[in-house]
Each structure stands twice: as structure tokens, then as C-alpha cells.
């Protein structure tokens, strides 16, 4: 599959991209690259590493100009020395091969869920934001990552399983309190493009419960709580095949919520559902919460609920203990890219 960002470049940019890829693959101390402005070279270098997460060891560069030359000498910065890079490459290849083996015979959608669930169950967010957490070596090697490393890990696993995947980037927005760029993925499933944000779902998980609030969203849904993309990305126009709707957990009637809440209380399991029955007003939230509370009371229990308001997804646990808060406003989040 042709790398996405490479396919968006002109011939000169593609030539620089290819020179960088060749030099980094060879772990060269320096190599010639077509002469472009610093900003253009930095942009190409960044996009190359989004297209090629296996180049996890190339983290930056500086360069030298030569007068009257059509090229510059690029001097890459490596995360490790050459011997260590080769050790990590071998480990990453083995880890990837082992992870994808059980999923090779699955459908596209099953493979996507398998990758998503691996992130949500086996990777924790790295609050210290170590350098390797921005690369696949964090999630695959250390079990930690930030959104960039997680998105790159999703991509390399999708690549290994034959699923079209790219990494989308949004800019920071200090006015909204968004201090950092954010990274997630766009995948092609059944010939259609969807947003997949495993970092946000990872942040919402409760114990063994996996969340799918950001699994196969369309543009309209995703950009309720994501900033616009920094680079052009494929439009995701299908908003009707997100996870909860596909799994009959997207409700339009209050009686469906009451019925499912009663079933969840009886089985002793949490209830996660998406509300699709009109705009989610405070009155609607109160009504739905009351229905869940009534179902809990019927069995002598209490409800502890959370709400991802932008995506209209409720999470409810039914417990013996009266919770301090009836409703917790959940905040799906990340922390950074660069």
C-alpha cells in the first residue's frame, strides 16, 4: 500500500522523502537530500515518520548547505546507537509478528478491533512522556505510550494485517486549553474511511471494560471533540457504522435504555450505550439517569454513571455502595505530540 503522505507530495518532495528513507534505513551518519527550505525538510521528515513507524529511531536532524549545490547534507539524530537500533528493530519485528499472528484469518473489522483492544488492554498512557513513548518502541516494547506512539503502533499493526491506515494530526488550540498536538488514525474498512482514536478510548477504560467511543466515527462525530487536521486527510463521510450502532448499543428510545439497564443489573455487568434519540440536553440526561437508577433500585443497588458528552456515550455500573457522585462527566483525552 502506497504511504499516504508520500502520495500527497510533488516530485521534488517525494525525492527528498525517498532520500531520507534510504538514509535512515541504512542508519547513515549523513546523506544528501534535495535542497529545500528548512520548514519543508522538517515537514517531509515528520510525514515520513508518520508513514513509516518502523523508522522509530530517527528522531530529528540538522543539515549543512553547500554554496551553488542543489542538495543539502542531512545529519540525522538517532534515538540509539547503531548496534542498539538493530537490537530494537529485531525485537519490534518479532513483537509485531507475534501480535498479528492470531488475527491473520480475521475479517477487516475483527482485525481493527483486535488492534484497538490490544492498545486498550496492554498499553498505559505515559505521563512522563519519555522520548520512546512517541514511537512504536514505547507501546510495543515498554507497554507505555503517548498519542503519537499509540497511533504509530496502530498503523504498524494495521500495515502488518493488510488494513489501509494513516495517522491524522491535529494542531494545539491554547484558547480551548489544548496544549499539544494530537494523533489518531484513519482506517479503511469495507472500502470506507473511518476515524479510530485508540488513545481516547484507552483513557476512558474502567478496569477490564474496554470503551469504543472513538471506534469508526465519521467526520461529524469525531470533530465534536477533536481539532481540525493539520494535514489533509481522507474525508470520513460514513457516520452510521460506528461501534455502538453496529453492536446494537445505540438507542433512540428511553424504553430501550430501561430494558438494557434492567438486563445489566440482573447480570451484574456494566452498561455502555450511545444515545441517538435526539440532542442530548440536560433534561434528557436526567431522564436517562433516572431510568438507570430505577433499574438499580429494583435490585437493591445504586448506579454510578459516567457520560462522554461530546459522543453521547454513557457508562453505568450497578453497585451496592452509594456513589459520591451520581454522574461523572468523562473527559477523553491525550497529552501531546511534539
C-alpha atoms as a PDB file:
ATOM      1  CA  UNK A   1       0.000   0.000   0.000  1.00  0.00           C
ATOM      2  CA  UNK A   2       1.424   3.369  -1.021  1.00  0.00           C
ATOM      3  CA  UNK A   3       2.267   5.515   2.013  1.00  0.00           C
ATOM      4  CA  UNK A   4      -0.420   8.182   2.395  1.00  0.00           C
ATOM      5  CA  UNK A   5       1.657  11.301   2.936  1.00  0.00           C
ATOM      6  CA  UNK A   6       4.118  10.327   0.203  1.00  0.00           C
ATOM      7  CA  UNK A   7       1.214  10.134  -2.246  1.00  0.00           C
ATOM      8  CA  UNK A   8       0.262  13.752  -1.439  1.00  0.00           C
ATOM      9  CA  UNK A   9       3.713  15.170  -2.302  1.00  0.00           C
ATOM     10  CA  UNK A  10       5.082  16.686  -5.512  1.00  0.00           C
ATOM     11  CA  UNK A  11       8.051  15.066  -7.279  1.00  0.00           C
ATOM     12  CA  UNK A  12      10.731  17.147  -5.522  1.00  0.00           C
ATOM     13  CA  UNK A  13       9.225  16.419  -2.115  1.00  0.00           C
ATOM     14  CA  UNK A  14       8.960  12.725  -2.980  1.00  0.00           C
ATOM     15  CA  UNK A  15      12.625  12.735  -3.967  1.00  0.00           C
ATOM     16  CA  UNK A  16      13.578  14.234  -0.596  1.00  0.00           C
ATOM     17  CA  UNK A  17      11.283  11.741   1.177  1.00  0.00           C
ATOM     18  CA  UNK A  18      12.948   8.832  -0.637  1.00  0.00           C
ATOM     19  CA  UNK A  19      16.455  10.118   0.173  1.00  0.00           C
ATOM     20  CA  UNK A  20      15.559  10.446   3.859  1.00  0.00           C
ATOM     21  CA  UNK A  21      14.003   6.989   3.947  1.00  0.00           C
ATOM     22  CA  UNK A  22      17.035   5.417   2.284  1.00  0.00           C
ATOM     23  CA  UNK A  23      19.473   7.201   4.589  1.00  0.00           C
ATOM     24  CA  UNK A  24      17.574   6.379   7.770  1.00  0.00           C
ATOM     25  CA  UNK A  25      17.078   2.740   6.744  1.00  0.00           C
ATOM     26  CA  UNK A  26      20.841   2.442   6.217  1.00  0.00           C
ATOM     27  CA  UNK A  27      21.479   4.191   9.566  1.00  0.00           C
ATOM     28  CA  UNK A  28      23.787   6.519   7.649  1.00  0.00           C
ATOM     29  CA  UNK A  29      25.564   9.262   9.635  1.00  0.00           C
ATOM     30  CA  UNK A  30      24.693  11.717   6.856  1.00  0.00           C
ATOM     31  CA  UNK A  31      23.192  11.725   3.349  1.00  0.00           C
ATOM     32  CA  UNK A  32      22.324  14.098   0.513  1.00  0.00           C
ATOM     33  CA  UNK A  33      18.772  15.432   0.184  1.00  0.00           C
ATOM     34  CA  UNK A  34      17.358  17.791  -2.482  1.00  0.00           C
ATOM     35  CA  UNK A  35      17.772  21.416  -1.401  1.00  0.00           C
ATOM     36  CA  UNK A  36      14.567  22.741   0.130  1.00  0.00           C
ATOM     37  CA  UNK A  37      13.739  25.250   2.832  1.00  0.00           C
ATOM     38  CA  UNK A  38      14.196  24.129   6.430  1.00  0.00           C
ATOM     39  CA  UNK A  39      10.435  24.149   7.070  1.00  0.00           C
ATOM     40  CA  UNK A  40       9.835  21.954   4.008  1.00  0.00           C
ATOM     41  CA  UNK A  41      12.519  19.474   5.023  1.00  0.00           C
ATOM     42  CA  UNK A  42      11.133  19.284   8.553  1.00  0.00           C
ATOM     43  CA  UNK A  43       7.632  18.712   7.184  1.00  0.00           C
ATOM     44  CA  UNK A  44       8.778  15.883   4.919  1.00  0.00           C
ATOM     45  CA  UNK A  45      10.801  14.290   7.712  1.00  0.00           C
ATOM     46  CA  UNK A  46       7.784  14.383  10.030  1.00  0.00           C
ATOM     47  CA  UNK A  47       5.439  12.929   7.394  1.00  0.00           C
ATOM     48  CA  UNK A  48       7.940  10.192   6.526  1.00  0.00           C
ATOM     49  CA  UNK A  49       7.893   9.041  10.145  1.00  0.00           C
ATOM     50  CA  UNK A  50       4.084   9.027  10.149  1.00  0.00           C
ATOM     51  CA  UNK A  51       4.072   6.885   7.011  1.00  0.00           C
ATOM     52  CA  UNK A  52       6.886   4.644   8.248  1.00  0.00           C
ATOM     53  CA  UNK A  53       6.616   3.950  12.001  1.00  0.00           C
ATOM     54  CA  UNK A  54       9.366   1.349  11.638  1.00  0.00           C
ATOM     55  CA  UNK A  55      11.819   4.285  11.415  1.00  0.00           C
ATOM     56  CA  UNK A  56      11.295   4.811  15.148  1.00  0.00           C
ATOM     57  CA  UNK A  57      14.961   5.528  15.802  1.00  0.00           C
ATOM     58  CA  UNK A  58      15.217   8.666  13.628  1.00  0.00           C
ATOM     59  CA  UNK A  59      14.018  11.493  15.866  1.00  0.00           C
ATOM     60  CA  UNK A  60      15.397  14.675  14.290  1.00  0.00           C
ATOM     61  CA  UNK A  61      18.085  16.180  12.081  1.00  0.00           C
ATOM     62  CA  UNK A  62      20.246  19.139  11.267  1.00  0.00           C
ATOM     63  CA  UNK A  63      21.909  19.849   7.924  1.00  0.00           C
ATOM     64  CA  UNK A  64      24.678  21.659   6.060  1.00  0.00           C
ATOM     65  CA  UNK A  65      24.258  23.797   2.955  1.00  0.00           C
ATOM     66  CA  UNK A  66      26.920  23.965   0.258  1.00  0.00           C
ATOM     67  CA  UNK A  67      27.089  27.022  -1.974  1.00  0.00           C
ATOM     68  CA  UNK A  68      25.738  26.503  -5.505  1.00  0.00           C
ATOM     69  CA  UNK A  69      24.701  22.933  -4.664  1.00  0.00           C
ATOM     70  CA  UNK A  70      21.272  21.524  -5.479  1.00  0.00           C
ATOM     71  CA  UNK A  71      21.298  19.390  -2.351  1.00  0.00           C
ATOM     72  CA  UNK A  72      21.970  19.630   1.372  1.00  0.00           C
ATOM     73  CA  UNK A  73      23.780  17.209   3.653  1.00  0.00           C
ATOM     74  CA  UNK A  74      21.290  15.901   6.202  1.00  0.00           C
ATOM     75  CA  UNK A  75      22.729  14.713   9.517  1.00  0.00           C
ATOM     76  CA  UNK A  76      20.067  12.656  11.334  1.00  0.00           C
ATOM     77  CA  UNK A  77      19.673  12.350  15.092  1.00  0.00           C
ATOM     78  CA  UNK A  78      19.225   8.759  16.242  1.00  0.00           C
ATOM     79  CA  UNK A  79      17.478   7.691  19.457  1.00  0.00           C
ATOM     80  CA  UNK A  80      20.082   4.946  19.987  1.00  0.00           C
ATOM     81  CA  UNK A  81      23.498   3.966  18.663  1.00  0.00           C
ATOM     82  CA  UNK A  82      23.622   1.750  15.586  1.00  0.00           C
ATOM     83  CA  UNK A  83      24.019  -1.534  17.463  1.00  0.00           C
ATOM     84  CA  UNK A  84      21.159  -0.755  19.807  1.00  0.00           C
ATOM     85  CA  UNK A  85      18.918   0.283  16.906  1.00  0.00           C
ATOM     86  CA  UNK A  86      19.429  -3.119  15.286  1.00  0.00           C
ATOM     87  CA  UNK A  87      18.593  -4.880  18.558  1.00  0.00           C
ATOM     88  CA  UNK A  88      15.383  -2.867  18.888  1.00  0.00           C
ATOM     89  CA  UNK A  89      14.481  -3.466  15.218  1.00  0.00           C
ATOM     90  CA  UNK A  90      14.778  -7.204  15.736  1.00  0.00           C
ATOM     91  CA  UNK A  91      12.660  -7.004  18.902  1.00  0.00           C
ATOM     92  CA  UNK A  92       9.990  -4.820  17.229  1.00  0.00           C
ATOM     93  CA  UNK A  93       9.754  -7.140  14.217  1.00  0.00           C
ATOM     94  CA  UNK A  94       9.398 -10.192  16.477  1.00  0.00           C
ATOM     95  CA  UNK A  95       6.830  -8.455  18.694  1.00  0.00           C
ATOM     96  CA  UNK A  96       4.762  -7.324  15.707  1.00  0.00           C
ATOM     97  CA  UNK A  97       4.834 -10.769  14.104  1.00  0.00           C
ATOM     98  CA  UNK A  98       3.750 -12.417  17.353  1.00  0.00           C
ATOM     99  CA  UNK A  99       0.925  -9.938  17.914  1.00  0.00           C
ATOM    100  CA  UNK A 100      -0.601 -10.199  14.438  1.00  0.00           C
ATOM    101  CA  UNK A 101      -0.385 -13.973  14.099  1.00  0.00           C
ATOM    102  CA  UNK A 102      -3.680 -14.718  15.935  1.00  0.00           C
ATOM    103  CA  UNK A 103      -5.519 -12.121  13.809  1.00  0.00           C
ATOM    104  CA  UNK A 104      -4.373 -13.127  10.328  1.00  0.00           C
ATOM    105  CA  UNK A 105      -7.552 -15.053   9.447  1.00  0.00           C
ATOM    106  CA  UNK A 106      -9.950 -12.449  10.871  1.00  0.00           C
ATOM    107  CA  UNK A 107     -12.141 -10.062   8.874  1.00  0.00           C
ATOM    108  CA  UNK A 108     -11.022  -6.444   8.422  1.00  0.00           C
ATOM    109  CA  UNK A 109     -13.348  -5.244  11.170  1.00  0.00           C
ATOM    110  CA  UNK A 110     -12.216  -8.003  13.554  1.00  0.00           C
ATOM    111  CA  UNK A 111      -8.569  -7.159  12.885  1.00  0.00           C
ATOM    112  CA  UNK A 112      -9.243  -3.495  13.613  1.00  0.00           C
ATOM    113  CA  UNK A 113     -10.958  -4.366  16.896  1.00  0.00           C
ATOM    114  CA  UNK A 114      -8.132  -6.750  17.813  1.00  0.00           C
ATOM    115  CA  UNK A 115      -5.574  -3.945  17.371  1.00  0.00           C
ATOM    116  CA  UNK A 116      -7.745  -1.441  19.245  1.00  0.00           C
ATOM    117  CA  UNK A 117      -8.248  -3.863  22.133  1.00  0.00           C
ATOM    118  CA  UNK A 118      -4.517  -4.547  22.356  1.00  0.00           C
ATOM    119  CA  UNK A 119      -3.912  -0.829  22.870  1.00  0.00           C
ATOM    120  CA  UNK A 120      -6.691  -0.531  25.450  1.00  0.00           C
ATOM    121  CA  UNK A 121      -5.638  -3.569  27.484  1.00  0.00           C
ATOM    122  CA  UNK A 122      -1.849  -3.629  27.136  1.00  0.00           C
ATOM    123  CA  UNK A 123      -0.690  -0.012  26.846  1.00  0.00           C
ATOM    124  CA  UNK A 124      -0.901   2.687  29.505  1.00  0.00           C
ATOM    125  CA  UNK A 125      -0.516   6.388  28.885  1.00  0.00           C
ATOM    126  CA  UNK A 126       2.996   7.627  29.681  1.00  0.00           C
ATOM    127  CA  UNK A 127       2.520  10.737  31.785  1.00  0.00           C
ATOM    128  CA  UNK A 128       6.299  11.266  31.890  1.00  0.00           C
ATOM    129  CA  UNK A 129       6.323  11.370  28.073  1.00  0.00           C
ATOM    130  CA  UNK A 130       9.674   9.679  27.559  1.00  0.00           C
ATOM    131  CA  UNK A 131      11.175  10.008  24.038  1.00  0.00           C
ATOM    132  CA  UNK A 132      10.480   6.374  23.142  1.00  0.00           C
ATOM    133  CA  UNK A 133       6.790   6.792  24.053  1.00  0.00           C
ATOM    134  CA  UNK A 134       6.381   8.854  20.878  1.00  0.00           C
ATOM    135  CA  UNK A 135       7.469   5.827  18.829  1.00  0.00           C
ATOM    136  CA  UNK A 136       6.341   2.204  18.422  1.00  0.00           C
ATOM    137  CA  UNK A 137       9.046   1.088  20.827  1.00  0.00           C
ATOM    138  CA  UNK A 138       7.011   2.591  23.693  1.00  0.00           C
ATOM    139  CA  UNK A 139       3.732   0.658  23.275  1.00  0.00           C
ATOM    140  CA  UNK A 140       5.289  -2.466  21.738  1.00  0.00           C
ATOM    141  CA  UNK A 141       8.419  -2.661  23.872  1.00  0.00           C
ATOM    142  CA  UNK A 142       7.573  -0.968  27.153  1.00  0.00           C
ATOM    143  CA  UNK A 143       3.770  -1.072  27.303  1.00  0.00           C
ATOM    144  CA  UNK A 144       3.571   2.718  27.539  1.00  0.00           C
ATOM    145  CA  UNK A 145       2.920   5.446  25.004  1.00  0.00           C
ATOM    146  CA  UNK A 146       1.544   8.864  24.201  1.00  0.00           C
ATOM    147  CA  UNK A 147      -0.903   9.521  21.394  1.00  0.00           C
ATOM    148  CA  UNK A 148       1.782   9.711  18.710  1.00  0.00           C
ATOM    149  CA  UNK A 149       3.369   6.411  19.718  1.00  0.00           C
ATOM    150  CA  UNK A 150      -0.042   4.775  20.038  1.00  0.00           C
ATOM    151  CA  UNK A 151      -1.167   5.978  16.589  1.00  0.00           C
ATOM    152  CA  UNK A 152       2.103   4.729  15.069  1.00  0.00           C
ATOM    153  CA  UNK A 153       1.626   1.368  16.767  1.00  0.00           C
ATOM    154  CA  UNK A 154      -1.931   1.073  15.423  1.00  0.00           C
ATOM    155  CA  UNK A 155      -0.579   1.843  11.955  1.00  0.00           C
ATOM    156  CA  UNK A 156       2.270  -0.657  12.014  1.00  0.00           C
ATOM    157  CA  UNK A 157      -0.103  -3.404  13.183  1.00  0.00           C
ATOM    158  CA  UNK A 158      -2.662  -2.436  10.521  1.00  0.00           C
ATOM    159  CA  UNK A 159       0.110  -2.497   7.903  1.00  0.00           C
ATOM    160  CA  UNK A 160       1.117  -5.983   9.054  1.00  0.00           C
ATOM    161  CA  UNK A 161      -2.504  -7.182   8.782  1.00  0.00           C
ATOM    162  CA  UNK A 162      -3.200  -5.566   5.408  1.00  0.00           C
ATOM    163  CA  UNK A 163      -5.560  -2.822   6.624  1.00  0.00           C
ATOM    164  CA  UNK A 164      -5.219   0.588   4.978  1.00  0.00           C
ATOM    165  CA  UNK A 165      -4.307   3.047   7.728  1.00  0.00           C
ATOM    166  CA  UNK A 166      -2.840   6.521   8.096  1.00  0.00           C
ATOM    167  CA  UNK A 167      -2.052   8.818  11.020  1.00  0.00           C
ATOM    168  CA  UNK A 168      -4.035  12.038  11.352  1.00  0.00           C
ATOM    169  CA  UNK A 169      -2.624  15.011  13.261  1.00  0.00           C
ATOM    170  CA  UNK A 170      -4.473  17.973  14.758  1.00  0.00           C
ATOM    171  CA  UNK A 171      -2.898  21.197  15.964  1.00  0.00           C
ATOM    172  CA  UNK A 172      -2.890  22.522  19.516  1.00  0.00           C
ATOM    173  CA  UNK A 173      -5.500  25.117  20.498  1.00  0.00           C
ATOM    174  CA  UNK A 174      -4.395  27.028  23.608  1.00  0.00           C
ATOM    175  CA  UNK A 175      -7.617  29.077  23.619  1.00  0.00           C
ATOM    176  CA  UNK A 176      -9.514  25.848  24.337  1.00  0.00           C
ATOM    177  CA  UNK A 177      -6.900  24.632  26.788  1.00  0.00           C
ATOM    178  CA  UNK A 178      -5.496  22.140  24.252  1.00  0.00           C
ATOM    179  CA  UNK A 179      -1.743  22.469  24.784  1.00  0.00           C
ATOM    180  CA  UNK A 180      -0.458  19.839  22.393  1.00  0.00           C
ATOM    181  CA  UNK A 181      -0.997  18.316  19.000  1.00  0.00           C
ATOM    182  CA  UNK A 182      -2.987  15.100  18.935  1.00  0.00           C
ATOM    183  CA  UNK A 183      -2.565  11.992  16.787  1.00  0.00           C
ATOM    184  CA  UNK A 184      -5.046   9.280  15.873  1.00  0.00           C
ATOM    185  CA  UNK A 185      -5.745   7.011  12.895  1.00  0.00           C
ATOM    186  CA  UNK A 186      -7.959   6.843   9.856  1.00  0.00           C
ATOM    187  CA  UNK A 187      -8.610   3.322   8.575  1.00  0.00           C
ATOM    188  CA  UNK A 188     -10.347   1.964   5.514  1.00  0.00           C
ATOM    189  CA  UNK A 189     -12.818  -0.801   6.374  1.00  0.00           C
ATOM    190  CA  UNK A 190     -15.137  -2.245   3.735  1.00  0.00           C
ATOM    191  CA  UNK A 191     -13.934   0.399   1.284  1.00  0.00           C
ATOM    192  CA  UNK A 192     -14.913   3.317   3.551  1.00  0.00           C
ATOM    193  CA  UNK A 193     -12.795   5.623   5.675  1.00  0.00           C
ATOM    194  CA  UNK A 194     -13.327   5.904   9.446  1.00  0.00           C
ATOM    195  CA  UNK A 195     -11.664   7.653  12.371  1.00  0.00           C
ATOM    196  CA  UNK A 196     -10.151   5.412  15.054  1.00  0.00           C
ATOM    197  CA  UNK A 197      -8.759   7.057  18.202  1.00  0.00           C
ATOM    198  CA  UNK A 198      -7.368   4.311  20.408  1.00  0.00           C
ATOM    199  CA  UNK A 199      -5.743   6.845  22.751  1.00  0.00           C
ATOM    200  CA  UNK A 200      -9.069   8.441  23.649  1.00  0.00           C
ATOM    201  CA  UNK A 201     -10.710   5.040  24.170  1.00  0.00           C
ATOM    202  CA  UNK A 202      -7.735   3.960  26.281  1.00  0.00           C
ATOM    203  CA  UNK A 203      -8.251   6.994  28.533  1.00  0.00           C
ATOM    204  CA  UNK A 204     -11.910   6.054  29.129  1.00  0.00           C
ATOM    205  CA  UNK A 205     -11.427   2.411  30.069  1.00  0.00           C
ATOM    206  CA  UNK A 206     -12.502   1.166  33.513  1.00  0.00           C
ATOM    207  CA  UNK A 207     -10.586  -1.891  34.719  1.00  0.00           C
ATOM    208  CA  UNK A 208     -11.347  -4.715  32.298  1.00  0.00           C
ATOM    209  CA  UNK A 209     -14.025  -2.694  30.488  1.00  0.00           C
ATOM    210  CA  UNK A 210     -12.940  -1.585  27.009  1.00  0.00           C
ATOM    211  CA  UNK A 211     -14.530   1.508  25.512  1.00  0.00           C
ATOM    212  CA  UNK A 212     -15.322   2.031  21.824  1.00  0.00           C
ATOM    213  CA  UNK A 213     -16.470   5.665  21.862  1.00  0.00           C
ATOM    214  CA  UNK A 214     -13.985   6.518  19.092  1.00  0.00           C
ATOM    215  CA  UNK A 215     -14.161   3.348  17.005  1.00  0.00           C
ATOM    216  CA  UNK A 216     -15.088   4.045  13.363  1.00  0.00           C
ATOM    217  CA  UNK A 217     -16.513   7.543  13.652  1.00  0.00           C
ATOM    218  CA  UNK A 218     -17.369   9.833  10.766  1.00  0.00           C
ATOM    219  CA  UNK A 219     -16.055  13.384  10.493  1.00  0.00           C
ATOM    220  CA  UNK A 220     -19.199  14.903  12.015  1.00  0.00           C
ATOM    221  CA  UNK A 221     -18.868  12.778  15.151  1.00  0.00           C
ATOM    222  CA  UNK A 222     -15.107  12.872  15.576  1.00  0.00           C
ATOM    223  CA  UNK A 223     -14.714  16.629  15.266  1.00  0.00           C
ATOM    224  CA  UNK A 224     -17.149  17.275  18.100  1.00  0.00           C
ATOM    225  CA  UNK A 225     -14.125  16.990  20.387  1.00  0.00           C
ATOM    226  CA  UNK A 226     -11.116  16.939  18.046  1.00  0.00           C
ATOM    227  CA  UNK A 227      -9.411  19.915  16.428  1.00  0.00           C
ATOM    228  CA  UNK A 228      -9.209  20.141  12.597  1.00  0.00           C
ATOM    229  CA  UNK A 229      -6.455  18.103  10.951  1.00  0.00           C
ATOM    230  CA  UNK A 230      -3.098  19.756  10.386  1.00  0.00           C
ATOM    231  CA  UNK A 231      -2.562  17.951   7.069  1.00  0.00           C
ATOM    232  CA  UNK A 232      -5.177  16.965   4.515  1.00  0.00           C
ATOM    233  CA  UNK A 233      -6.772  13.615   5.327  1.00  0.00           C
ATOM    234  CA  UNK A 234      -9.339  11.409   3.567  1.00  0.00           C
ATOM    235  CA  UNK A 235     -12.905  12.529   4.343  1.00  0.00           C
ATOM    236  CA  UNK A 236     -14.804  10.121   6.588  1.00  0.00           C
ATOM    237  CA  UNK A 237     -18.375  10.565   5.437  1.00  0.00           C
ATOM    238  CA  UNK A 238     -19.960   7.443   6.907  1.00  0.00           C
ATOM    239  CA  UNK A 239     -21.305   8.138  10.383  1.00  0.00           C
ATOM    240  CA  UNK A 240     -23.648   5.164  10.585  1.00  0.00           C
ATOM    241  CA  UNK A 241     -21.260   2.281  11.210  1.00  0.00           C
ATOM    242  CA  UNK A 242     -19.581   3.251  14.457  1.00  0.00           C
ATOM    243  CA  UNK A 243     -19.037   0.539  17.031  1.00  0.00           C
ATOM    244  CA  UNK A 244     -22.070   1.008  19.282  1.00  0.00           C
ATOM    245  CA  UNK A 245     -24.520   1.196  16.414  1.00  0.00           C
ATOM    246  CA  UNK A 246     -23.049  -1.894  14.777  1.00  0.00           C
ATOM    247  CA  UNK A 247     -23.396  -3.750  18.083  1.00  0.00           C
ATOM    248  CA  UNK A 248     -26.971  -2.594  18.770  1.00  0.00           C
ATOM    249  CA  UNK A 249     -25.898  -0.408  21.682  1.00  0.00           C
ATOM    250  CA  UNK A 250     -27.073   2.868  20.149  1.00  0.00           C
ATOM    251  CA  UNK A 251     -30.559   3.706  21.439  1.00  0.00           C
ATOM    252  CA  UNK A 252     -33.232   6.113  20.226  1.00  0.00           C
ATOM    253  CA  UNK A 253     -35.951   5.217  22.761  1.00  0.00           C
ATOM    254  CA  UNK A 254     -35.943   5.588  26.525  1.00  0.00           C
ATOM    255  CA  UNK A 255     -37.663   2.227  26.933  1.00  0.00           C
ATOM    256  CA  UNK A 256     -34.636   0.574  25.293  1.00  0.00           C
ATOM    257  CA  UNK A 257     -32.370   2.162  27.893  1.00  0.00           C
ATOM    258  CA  UNK A 258     -34.639   0.969  30.715  1.00  0.00           C
ATOM    259  CA  UNK A 259     -34.718  -2.570  29.311  1.00  0.00           C
ATOM    260  CA  UNK A 260     -30.943  -2.813  28.832  1.00  0.00           C
ATOM    261  CA  UNK A 261     -30.301  -1.299  32.284  1.00  0.00           C
ATOM    262  CA  UNK A 262     -32.513  -3.951  33.896  1.00  0.00           C
ATOM    263  CA  UNK A 263     -30.645  -6.693  31.997  1.00  0.00           C
ATOM    264  CA  UNK A 264     -27.263  -5.293  33.050  1.00  0.00           C
ATOM    265  CA  UNK A 265     -28.273  -5.108  36.734  1.00  0.00           C
ATOM    266  CA  UNK A 266     -29.555  -8.693  36.618  1.00  0.00           C
ATOM    267  CA  UNK A 267     -26.327  -9.959  35.023  1.00  0.00           C
ATOM    268  CA  UNK A 268     -24.110  -7.872  37.318  1.00  0.00           C
ATOM    269  CA  UNK A 269     -22.398  -6.215  34.370  1.00  0.00           C
ATOM    270  CA  UNK A 270     -21.806  -2.567  33.450  1.00  0.00           C
ATOM    271  CA  UNK A 271     -23.915  -0.938  30.746  1.00  0.00           C
ATOM    272  CA  UNK A 272     -22.357   1.116  27.973  1.00  0.00           C
ATOM    273  CA  UNK A 273     -24.571   2.699  25.350  1.00  0.00           C
ATOM    274  CA  UNK A 274     -24.790   5.544  22.865  1.00  0.00           C
ATOM    275  CA  UNK A 275     -27.800   7.882  22.842  1.00  0.00           C
ATOM    276  CA  UNK A 276     -29.142   8.600  19.363  1.00  0.00           C
ATOM    277  CA  UNK A 277     -32.626   9.779  20.306  1.00  0.00           C
ATOM    278  CA  UNK A 278     -32.168  13.479  19.642  1.00  0.00           C
ATOM    279  CA  UNK A 279     -29.958  16.189  21.079  1.00  0.00           C
ATOM    280  CA  UNK A 280     -28.539  15.269  24.474  1.00  0.00           C
ATOM    281  CA  UNK A 281     -29.974  18.034  26.676  1.00  0.00           C
ATOM    282  CA  UNK A 282     -29.629  18.182  30.461  1.00  0.00           C
ATOM    283  CA  UNK A 283     -33.265  17.106  30.759  1.00  0.00           C
ATOM    284  CA  UNK A 284     -32.592  14.073  28.575  1.00  0.00           C
ATOM    285  CA  UNK A 285     -29.515  13.176  30.623  1.00  0.00           C
ATOM    286  CA  UNK A 286     -31.573  13.409  33.834  1.00  0.00           C
ATOM    287  CA  UNK A 287     -34.321  11.219  32.362  1.00  0.00           C
ATOM    288  CA  UNK A 288     -31.877   8.537  31.253  1.00  0.00           C
ATOM    289  CA  UNK A 289     -30.067   8.621  34.579  1.00  0.00           C
ATOM    290  CA  UNK A 290     -33.387   8.217  36.432  1.00  0.00           C
ATOM    291  CA  UNK A 291     -34.236   5.174  34.321  1.00  0.00           C
ATOM    292  CA  UNK A 292     -30.927   3.545  35.225  1.00  0.00           C
ATOM    293  CA  UNK A 293     -31.373   4.413  38.881  1.00  0.00           C
ATOM    294  CA  UNK A 294     -34.839   2.836  38.885  1.00  0.00           C
ATOM    295  CA  UNK A 295     -33.442  -0.355  37.350  1.00  0.00           C
ATOM    296  CA  UNK A 296     -30.769  -0.416  40.063  1.00  0.00           C
ATOM    297  CA  UNK A 297     -33.288   0.172  42.880  1.00  0.00           C
ATOM    298  CA  UNK A 298     -35.367  -2.794  41.720  1.00  0.00           C
ATOM    299  CA  UNK A 299     -32.420  -4.997  42.740  1.00  0.00           C
ATOM    300  CA  UNK A 300     -31.397  -3.009  45.809  1.00  0.00           C
ATOM    301  CA  UNK A 301     -28.449  -1.375  44.120  1.00  0.00           C
ATOM    302  CA  UNK A 302     -27.186   2.059  43.128  1.00  0.00           C
ATOM    303  CA  UNK A 303     -25.935   3.371  39.797  1.00  0.00           C
ATOM    304  CA  UNK A 304     -22.567   5.008  39.252  1.00  0.00           C
ATOM    305  CA  UNK A 305     -22.666   6.626  35.821  1.00  0.00           C
ATOM    306  CA  UNK A 306     -20.263   8.443  33.552  1.00  0.00           C
ATOM    307  CA  UNK A 307     -21.026  10.422  30.410  1.00  0.00           C
ATOM    308  CA  UNK A 308     -18.810  11.240  27.449  1.00  0.00           C
ATOM    309  CA  UNK A 309     -20.986  14.181  26.459  1.00  0.00           C
ATOM    310  CA  UNK A 310     -19.452  15.058  23.041  1.00  0.00           C
ATOM    311  CA  UNK A 311     -20.004  11.478  21.829  1.00  0.00           C
ATOM    312  CA  UNK A 312     -23.249  10.911  23.827  1.00  0.00           C
ATOM    313  CA  UNK A 313     -21.928   7.682  25.370  1.00  0.00           C
ATOM    314  CA  UNK A 314     -22.989   6.571  28.854  1.00  0.00           C
ATOM    315  CA  UNK A 315     -21.132   4.164  31.119  1.00  0.00           C
ATOM    316  CA  UNK A 316     -23.033   2.793  34.124  1.00  0.00           C
ATOM    317  CA  UNK A 317     -22.009   0.424  36.908  1.00  0.00           C
ATOM    318  CA  UNK A 318     -24.506  -1.007  39.371  1.00  0.00           C
ATOM    319  CA  UNK A 319     -23.106  -1.277  42.881  1.00  0.00           C
ATOM    320  CA  UNK A 320     -24.064  -1.970  46.481  1.00  0.00           C
ATOM    321  CA  UNK A 321     -22.409   1.262  47.619  1.00  0.00           C
ATOM    322  CA  UNK A 322     -23.984   4.671  47.177  1.00  0.00           C
ATOM    323  CA  UNK A 323     -21.608   6.667  44.927  1.00  0.00           C
ATOM    324  CA  UNK A 324     -20.361  10.114  45.927  1.00  0.00           C
ATOM    325  CA  UNK A 325     -21.423  11.477  42.544  1.00  0.00           C
ATOM    326  CA  UNK A 326     -24.466  10.369  40.571  1.00  0.00           C
ATOM    327  CA  UNK A 327     -22.947  11.361  37.250  1.00  0.00           C
ATOM    328  CA  UNK A 328     -19.302  11.825  36.374  1.00  0.00           C
ATOM    329  CA  UNK A 329     -18.533  13.864  33.259  1.00  0.00           C
ATOM    330  CA  UNK A 330     -15.913  11.803  31.461  1.00  0.00           C
ATOM    331  CA  UNK A 331     -13.153  13.553  29.588  1.00  0.00           C
ATOM    332  CA  UNK A 332     -11.498  11.514  26.852  1.00  0.00           C
ATOM    333  CA  UNK A 333      -8.023  12.893  26.441  1.00  0.00           C
ATOM    334  CA  UNK A 334      -4.454  12.574  25.383  1.00  0.00           C
ATOM    335  CA  UNK A 335      -1.451  14.633  26.278  1.00  0.00           C
ATOM    336  CA  UNK A 336       0.779  15.614  23.428  1.00  0.00           C
ATOM    337  CA  UNK A 337       2.582  15.103  20.150  1.00  0.00           C
ATOM    338  CA  UNK A 338       5.804  17.088  19.934  1.00  0.00           C
END
